[in-house]
Amino acid sequence: MLELQKDLCGNAQRKAGLIINKAASIGMDITGYGCAGENSSNGNVYLWLEDYQFSLYIDLSGDDQINACWSNPNDGEEEFIFDISSNTLEDLIQWANELEVISEHEEA
């Protein structure tokens, strides 16, 4: 079940709504376990869904550009796609899968 962080301010709630709508419009299944909230470290508003190897987020720049982030499970390093508007869900999944394969080879 997708949970929305309870203490979001109005603008963060609006941005979370934009991200959730974008996720649904590109075909992401938003019915699984996940959360939408605001990162207390950097202020980015994000959507994390357990079924995907990446998260979507809007940063603090003042615009509503939706980006994607993949976090390496081995070392925490992050890779980004800035402005996902020209990407399909398949593009994002392929990108995350390729990064996963690279991280597995580096770890071996």
Protein backbone atom coordinates (compact mmCIF):
# COMPACT_ATOMS: atom_id res chain seq x y z
CA MET A 1 0.00 0.00 0.00
CA LEU A 2 1.33 3.42 -0.93
CA GLU A 3 1.72 5.61 2.13
CA LEU A 4 1.96 9.39 2.13
CA GLN A 5 4.21 10.92 4.78
CA LYS A 6 1.87 12.53 7.29
CA ASP A 7 3.70 15.80 8.04
CA LEU A 8 4.13 17.13 4.48
CA CYS A 9 3.56 20.83 3.92
CA GLY A 10 1.15 21.92 1.18
CA ASN A 11 3.80 22.36 -1.52
CA ALA A 12 5.39 18.99 -0.73
CA GLN A 13 1.94 17.37 -0.90
CA ARG A 14 1.37 18.99 -4.30
CA LYS A 15 4.73 17.73 -5.57
CA ALA A 16 4.04 14.22 -4.23
CA GLY A 17 0.77 14.28 -6.15
CA LEU A 18 2.58 15.29 -9.34
CA ILE A 19 5.05 12.43 -8.94
CA ILE A 20 2.34 9.87 -8.21
CA ASN A 21 0.35 11.03 -11.24
CA LYS A 22 3.46 10.81 -13.45
CA ALA A 23 4.26 7.34 -12.16
CA ALA A 24 0.74 6.16 -12.97
CA SER A 25 0.78 7.85 -16.39
CA ILE A 26 3.93 6.01 -17.48
CA GLY A 27 2.48 2.71 -16.30
CA MET A 28 4.10 2.17 -12.92
CA ASP A 29 2.03 0.03 -10.58
CA ILE A 30 1.38 2.32 -7.63
CA THR A 31 -0.79 -0.20 -5.78
CA GLY A 32 2.15 -2.04 -4.18
CA TYR A 33 4.08 -1.15 -1.05
CA GLY A 34 5.81 2.23 -1.13
CA CYS A 35 5.87 5.72 0.22
CA ALA A 36 5.81 9.31 -0.93
CA GLY A 37 7.43 11.90 1.25
CA GLU A 38 10.04 14.57 1.74
CA ASN A 39 13.68 13.69 2.32
CA SER A 40 14.65 15.35 5.59
CA SER A 41 18.30 15.61 4.48
CA ASN A 42 17.87 17.44 1.18
CA GLY A 43 14.20 18.44 0.95
CA ASN A 44 13.51 16.47 -2.22
CA VAL A 45 9.99 15.13 -2.54
CA TYR A 46 10.10 11.49 -3.64
CA LEU A 47 8.13 8.40 -4.54
CA TRP A 48 9.66 5.04 -3.64
CA LEU A 49 7.91 1.84 -4.68
CA GLU A 50 9.15 -1.56 -3.60
CA ASP A 51 8.54 -3.07 -7.04
CA TYR A 52 11.02 -0.78 -8.82
CA GLN A 53 14.79 -0.39 -8.59
CA PHE A 54 14.55 3.40 -8.83
CA SER A 55 12.72 6.26 -7.17
CA LEU A 56 11.15 9.36 -8.68
CA TYR A 57 11.68 12.76 -7.13
CA ILE A 58 11.36 16.53 -7.51
CA ASP A 59 14.22 18.57 -6.12
CA LEU A 60 14.21 21.95 -4.42
CA SER A 61 14.99 23.95 -7.57
CA GLY A 62 11.55 25.51 -7.60
CA ASP A 63 10.32 23.82 -10.75
CA ASP A 64 8.31 20.62 -10.94
CA GLN A 65 10.73 18.58 -13.04
CA ILE A 66 10.45 14.89 -12.15
CA ASN A 67 13.73 12.98 -12.03
CA ALA A 68 14.75 9.38 -11.36
CA CYS A 69 17.35 8.09 -8.93
CA TRP A 70 18.91 4.64 -8.57
CA SER A 71 20.83 3.79 -5.39
CA ASN A 72 23.53 1.13 -5.49
CA PRO A 73 22.60 -1.48 -2.87
CA ASN A 74 26.29 -2.32 -2.33
CA ASP A 75 27.75 1.11 -1.60
CA GLY A 76 24.89 3.62 -1.58
CA GLU A 77 26.23 5.55 -4.58
CA GLU A 78 23.44 7.14 -6.57
CA GLU A 79 22.89 7.55 -10.31
CA PHE A 80 20.36 9.99 -11.73
CA ILE A 81 18.25 10.69 -14.78
CA PHE A 82 17.32 14.32 -14.73
CA ASP A 83 13.93 15.09 -16.26
CA ILE A 84 12.30 11.79 -17.07
CA SER A 85 9.73 13.39 -19.40
CA SER A 86 11.31 11.79 -22.47
CA ASN A 87 11.63 8.33 -20.88
CA THR A 88 9.16 5.47 -20.83
CA LEU A 89 8.77 3.05 -17.95
CA GLU A 90 10.64 0.49 -20.04
CA ASP A 91 13.53 2.97 -20.45
CA LEU A 92 13.71 3.51 -16.68
CA ILE A 93 13.58 -0.20 -15.92
CA GLN A 94 16.31 -0.93 -18.48
CA TRP A 95 18.48 1.88 -17.05
CA ALA A 96 18.10 0.54 -13.49
CA ASN A 97 18.72 -3.05 -14.59
CA GLU A 98 21.92 -2.05 -16.41
CA LEU A 99 23.17 -0.22 -13.31
CA GLU A 100 22.34 -3.27 -11.18
CA VAL A 101 24.39 -5.54 -13.47
CA ILE A 102 27.33 -3.12 -13.37
CA SER A 103 27.19 -2.94 -9.57
CA GLU A 104 27.09 -6.74 -9.29
CA HIS A 105 30.20 -7.04 -11.50
CA GLU A 106 32.03 -4.40 -9.48
CA GLU A 107 31.11 -6.17 -6.24
CA ALA A 108 32.34 -9.58 -7.46
